[in-house]
Structure formats: C-alpha cells, structure tokens
Protein backbone atom coordinates (compact mmCIF):
# COMPACT_ATOMS: atom_id res chain seq x y z
CA UNK A 1 -3.99 -39.13 65.93
CA UNK A 2 -7.42 -39.25 64.22
CA UNK A 3 -9.12 -42.63 63.30
CA UNK A 4 -10.23 -43.60 59.10
CA UNK A 5 -13.12 -44.66 59.20
CA UNK A 6 -15.32 -45.53 56.25
CA UNK A 7 -18.99 -45.06 57.99
CA UNK A 8 -19.88 -43.13 61.13
CA UNK A 9 -23.04 -43.74 63.08
CA UNK A 10 -24.73 -40.87 65.35
CA UNK A 11 -26.13 -43.30 68.59
CA UNK A 12 -25.76 -40.30 70.59
CA UNK A 13 -28.99 -39.44 73.55
CA UNK A 14 -30.17 -43.17 73.43
CA UNK A 15 -30.21 -46.30 75.72
CA UNK A 16 -29.57 -49.11 75.40
CA UNK A 17 -30.29 -51.59 73.10
CA UNK A 18 -30.52 -48.67 69.91
CA UNK A 19 -27.00 -48.54 69.85
CA UNK A 20 -26.49 -51.51 69.22
CA UNK A 21 -29.69 -51.83 66.38
CA UNK A 22 -28.50 -48.73 64.92
CA UNK A 23 -25.22 -50.71 64.90
CA UNK A 24 -26.52 -53.71 63.49
CA UNK A 25 -28.37 -52.13 61.15
CA UNK A 26 -25.12 -50.12 60.00
CA UNK A 27 -23.02 -53.16 59.64
CA UNK A 28 -25.64 -54.55 56.97
CA UNK A 29 -25.09 -52.17 54.34
CA UNK A 30 -21.34 -52.27 54.58
CA UNK A 31 -18.40 -54.34 53.39
CA UNK A 32 -15.93 -55.89 54.86
CA UNK A 33 -13.28 -54.93 55.90
CA UNK A 34 -14.96 -51.37 56.82
CA UNK A 35 -14.25 -49.41 59.85
CA UNK A 36 -17.37 -47.88 61.73
CA UNK A 37 -17.46 -45.27 64.43
CA UNK A 38 -20.11 -45.25 66.23
CA UNK A 39 -20.62 -42.27 68.70
CA UNK A 40 -22.98 -42.37 71.80
CA UNK A 41 -23.77 -40.83 75.04
CA UNK A 42 -24.24 -44.26 76.85
CA UNK A 43 -22.40 -45.19 79.26
CA UNK A 44 -23.36 -48.69 79.02
CA UNK A 45 -22.92 -49.00 75.05
CA UNK A 46 -18.84 -49.40 75.87
CA UNK A 47 -19.61 -52.99 77.11
CA UNK A 48 -22.88 -53.67 74.89
CA UNK A 49 -20.86 -52.84 71.80
CA UNK A 50 -17.41 -55.18 72.62
CA UNK A 51 -20.05 -57.82 73.85
CA UNK A 52 -21.88 -57.68 70.96
CA UNK A 53 -18.87 -57.25 68.26
CA UNK A 54 -17.35 -60.24 69.60
CA UNK A 55 -20.54 -62.10 69.47
CA UNK A 56 -21.51 -61.07 66.00
CA UNK A 57 -17.46 -62.58 64.74
CA UNK A 58 -16.92 -58.30 64.22
CA UNK A 59 -13.77 -56.62 65.40
CA UNK A 60 -14.40 -54.01 68.94
CA UNK A 61 -11.28 -51.71 68.17
CA UNK A 62 -11.56 -49.46 71.09
CA UNK A 63 -12.96 -45.97 72.35
CA UNK A 64 -12.20 -42.77 72.54
CA UNK A 65 -14.00 -40.21 74.88
CA UNK A 66 -14.25 -36.86 73.26
CA UNK A 67 -16.50 -34.04 75.39
CA UNK A 68 -18.42 -36.77 76.94
CA UNK A 69 -19.18 -38.38 73.67
CA UNK A 70 -17.44 -41.93 73.26
CA UNK A 71 -16.42 -42.88 69.74
CA UNK A 72 -16.90 -46.79 69.29
CA UNK A 73 -14.73 -48.15 66.31
CA UNK A 74 -16.08 -51.90 65.03
CA UNK A 75 -14.47 -53.59 62.34
CA UNK A 76 -16.45 -54.86 59.70
CA UNK A 77 -15.90 -59.05 59.49
CA UNK A 78 -16.06 -60.86 56.53
CA UNK A 79 -19.07 -62.99 55.81
CA UNK A 80 -17.21 -66.13 56.91
CA UNK A 81 -16.63 -64.87 59.97
CA UNK A 82 -20.27 -63.33 60.70
CA UNK A 83 -22.42 -65.70 62.83
CA UNK A 84 -24.12 -63.71 65.47
CA UNK A 85 -24.19 -66.38 67.91
CA UNK A 86 -27.91 -66.96 70.35
CA UNK A 87 -27.48 -68.66 73.15
CA UNK A 88 -29.39 -71.95 72.61
CA UNK A 89 -31.90 -72.21 76.80
CA UNK A 90 -34.26 -69.65 76.20
CA UNK A 91 -37.15 -69.36 79.13
CA UNK A 92 -40.01 -66.18 78.88
CA UNK A 93 -40.88 -63.90 81.73
CA UNK A 94 -44.22 -66.95 82.72
CA UNK A 95 -41.73 -69.48 83.27
CA UNK A 96 -39.16 -67.08 84.97
CA UNK A 97 -42.32 -65.69 87.54
CA UNK A 98 -43.22 -69.34 88.01
CA UNK A 99 -39.24 -70.44 89.45
CA UNK A 100 -38.26 -67.42 90.44
CA UNK A 101 -38.68 -68.19 94.59
CA UNK A 102 -37.07 -71.59 94.33
CA UNK A 103 -33.89 -71.60 96.54
CA UNK A 104 -31.85 -73.31 93.08
CA UNK A 105 -31.54 -71.08 91.36
CA UNK A 106 -30.57 -67.70 90.78
CA UNK A 107 -31.36 -64.48 88.63
CA UNK A 108 -29.27 -62.40 87.46
CA UNK A 109 -29.94 -58.76 85.68
CA UNK A 110 -27.45 -58.05 83.62
CA UNK A 111 -28.85 -54.49 83.47
CA UNK A 112 -27.47 -51.18 84.18
CA UNK A 113 -27.11 -50.06 88.16
CA UNK A 114 -29.44 -47.18 87.48
CA UNK A 115 -31.33 -49.33 85.49
CA UNK A 116 -32.03 -52.11 88.20
CA UNK A 117 -32.58 -49.55 91.27
CA UNK A 118 -35.68 -47.86 89.46
CA UNK A 119 -37.23 -51.20 88.52
CA UNK A 120 -36.10 -54.69 89.45
CA UNK A 121 -37.86 -58.33 90.41
CA UNK A 122 -36.91 -58.59 94.45
CA UNK A 123 -34.86 -61.55 94.52
CA UNK A 124 -33.01 -60.86 91.12
CA UNK A 125 -29.10 -59.73 91.90
CA UNK A 126 -27.48 -56.63 89.62
CA UNK A 127 -24.46 -57.82 88.18
CA UNK A 128 -24.40 -55.41 84.98
CA UNK A 129 -22.86 -56.80 81.88
CA UNK A 130 -19.50 -54.89 81.32
CA UNK A 131 -18.58 -56.62 84.53
CA UNK A 132 -20.53 -60.30 84.50
CA UNK A 133 -16.81 -61.69 83.19
CA UNK A 134 -14.73 -59.74 86.28
CA UNK A 135 -17.98 -60.82 89.15
CA UNK A 136 -19.60 -63.87 87.38
CA UNK A 137 -16.92 -66.02 90.45
CA UNK A 138 -19.91 -64.67 92.63
CA UNK A 139 -22.41 -67.29 91.71
CA UNK A 140 -23.11 -70.64 92.60
CA UNK A 141 -22.56 -72.57 89.21
CA UNK A 142 -24.37 -75.82 91.02
CA UNK A 143 -27.40 -73.56 91.16
CA UNK A 144 -29.82 -73.00 87.43
CA UNK A 145 -29.39 -69.61 86.30
CA UNK A 146 -31.74 -67.26 84.55
CA UNK A 147 -30.07 -64.01 82.78
CA UNK A 148 -32.37 -61.64 82.29
CA UNK A 149 -32.30 -57.17 80.70
CA UNK A 150 -34.44 -55.05 79.58
CA UNK A 151 -35.44 -57.21 76.26
CA UNK A 152 -33.43 -60.28 76.10
CA UNK A 153 -30.24 -59.07 74.15
CA UNK A 154 -27.86 -58.08 77.11
CA UNK A 155 -28.83 -61.10 78.77
CA UNK A 156 -27.78 -63.50 75.54
CA UNK A 157 -25.12 -62.06 75.45
CA UNK A 158 -24.34 -62.19 79.43
CA UNK A 159 -25.55 -65.77 78.85
CA UNK A 160 -22.53 -67.32 76.65
CA UNK A 161 -20.42 -65.11 78.81
CA UNK A 162 -21.49 -67.70 81.98
CA UNK A 163 -21.75 -70.79 79.97
CA UNK A 164 -17.96 -70.34 78.55
CA UNK A 165 -17.56 -69.63 82.02
CA UNK A 166 -18.68 -73.43 82.76
CA UNK A 167 -22.11 -72.30 84.85
CA UNK A 168 -23.80 -75.94 83.57
CA UNK A 169 -27.26 -74.38 83.89
CA UNK A 170 -28.15 -70.81 82.29
CA UNK A 171 -31.53 -69.37 80.80
CA UNK A 172 -31.69 -66.63 78.86
CA UNK A 173 -35.43 -64.78 79.85
CA UNK A 174 -37.11 -63.20 76.95
CA UNK A 175 -38.50 -61.02 76.53
CA UNK A 176 -37.12 -59.51 80.16
CA UNK A 177 -37.74 -56.75 81.97
CA UNK A 178 -39.60 -54.68 79.21
CA UNK A 179 -42.74 -56.90 79.13
CA UNK A 180 -41.84 -58.03 83.41
CA UNK A 181 -45.89 -58.69 84.64
CA UNK A 182 -44.62 -59.61 88.01
CA UNK A 183 -43.65 -58.33 91.22
CA UNK A 184 -41.41 -55.43 91.56
CA UNK A 185 -39.13 -53.48 93.37
CA UNK A 186 -37.86 -49.82 92.90
CA UNK A 187 -35.51 -47.79 94.74
CA UNK A 188 -38.90 -45.13 94.77
CA UNK A 189 -40.37 -47.73 96.73
C-alpha cells in the first residue's frame, strides 16, 4: 500500500539536527492537513521527529524503512493546533559547568550513544532522547536535572518529557555540546 503524500523532503545523509531543521522549513510552506514524507538515513531521526512533531502540535503518522532509508510521515496541523512548546527553564553552558560536580545535580546527555561516546561531560549520564520515556525512571527525582544535547533542541524535548513525568527541577542546557568548553571525556582518551 502506497502512502499518499503532498510533499517529499530529502534529508538523507544528514545528521541531527538537520532532519528536524529541514522538516520545520518544509512544514512552513505547507497547508494544514497536508502530509510530508521525510526521507532520512539518520537512525536517530525517528525519535527526534516523533518528539518534535508532538512538541510542535503536528501529527506523526509513522515510519517505513526501505533499503536503509527511513520514510517518516508527518501531517501538518492547522494553526490552532501548532504552538511549539519550549521548556521554560534554561541554563547556559557556564551555569552547567559551575554546578556539574554538585552531588544534588544530574546531567543527562540525550544525544545518540555514538555522539556521547566520542565527546561528553564526564559526569553526564547517557540516555538518548528516544529512550527517555522508558529510562527516565532511572533518574533521582529529588535532584536537579540538567539536560544536554548538541544544540539545545533534543534537550528541550527531553526536559519537557521529564517535567511531564513529575521531575520538579529540570533545566535545558543551551547551546549544549556544540559550544561546550569545559572538561570532556572521549572514547579516544
């Protein structure tokens, strides 16, 4: 069975956050109710697009994989449905660096496992965005949680999810690892 789409977006060969950035741009030019097919090769794009569409108010219809290409289907919601939510509590990299060794804090890195392996904050716990719903209970709700990703987009979505699970003190770290100047660990060290 073929899925009828109105617009096709080629995001093959790109990594996070580009599939979402390109999707946002394509959605702006579409009419309410139209369906976008996003073609991607980044395995993390499934969780990223699911989380973004939910946050933006659009409808994630599903994904079909064909010959190593993920075809994601997203329906554009009408203007009354689309108010992208942002997590209200944000800190910058300097603020995170100042509290990162605090025993009352937890740093959660929501990038994909490979990103984490090659460059991460030593105290950070790796829980990729796509696993946050299932693994969020591993975190101590009595501690202050700082969520970091590469740019602040995935961490924004993860912070929203943790706050919805009842975590009282959750902060999104912006701009995240793309501009992190503090100490890091790596698979290569």
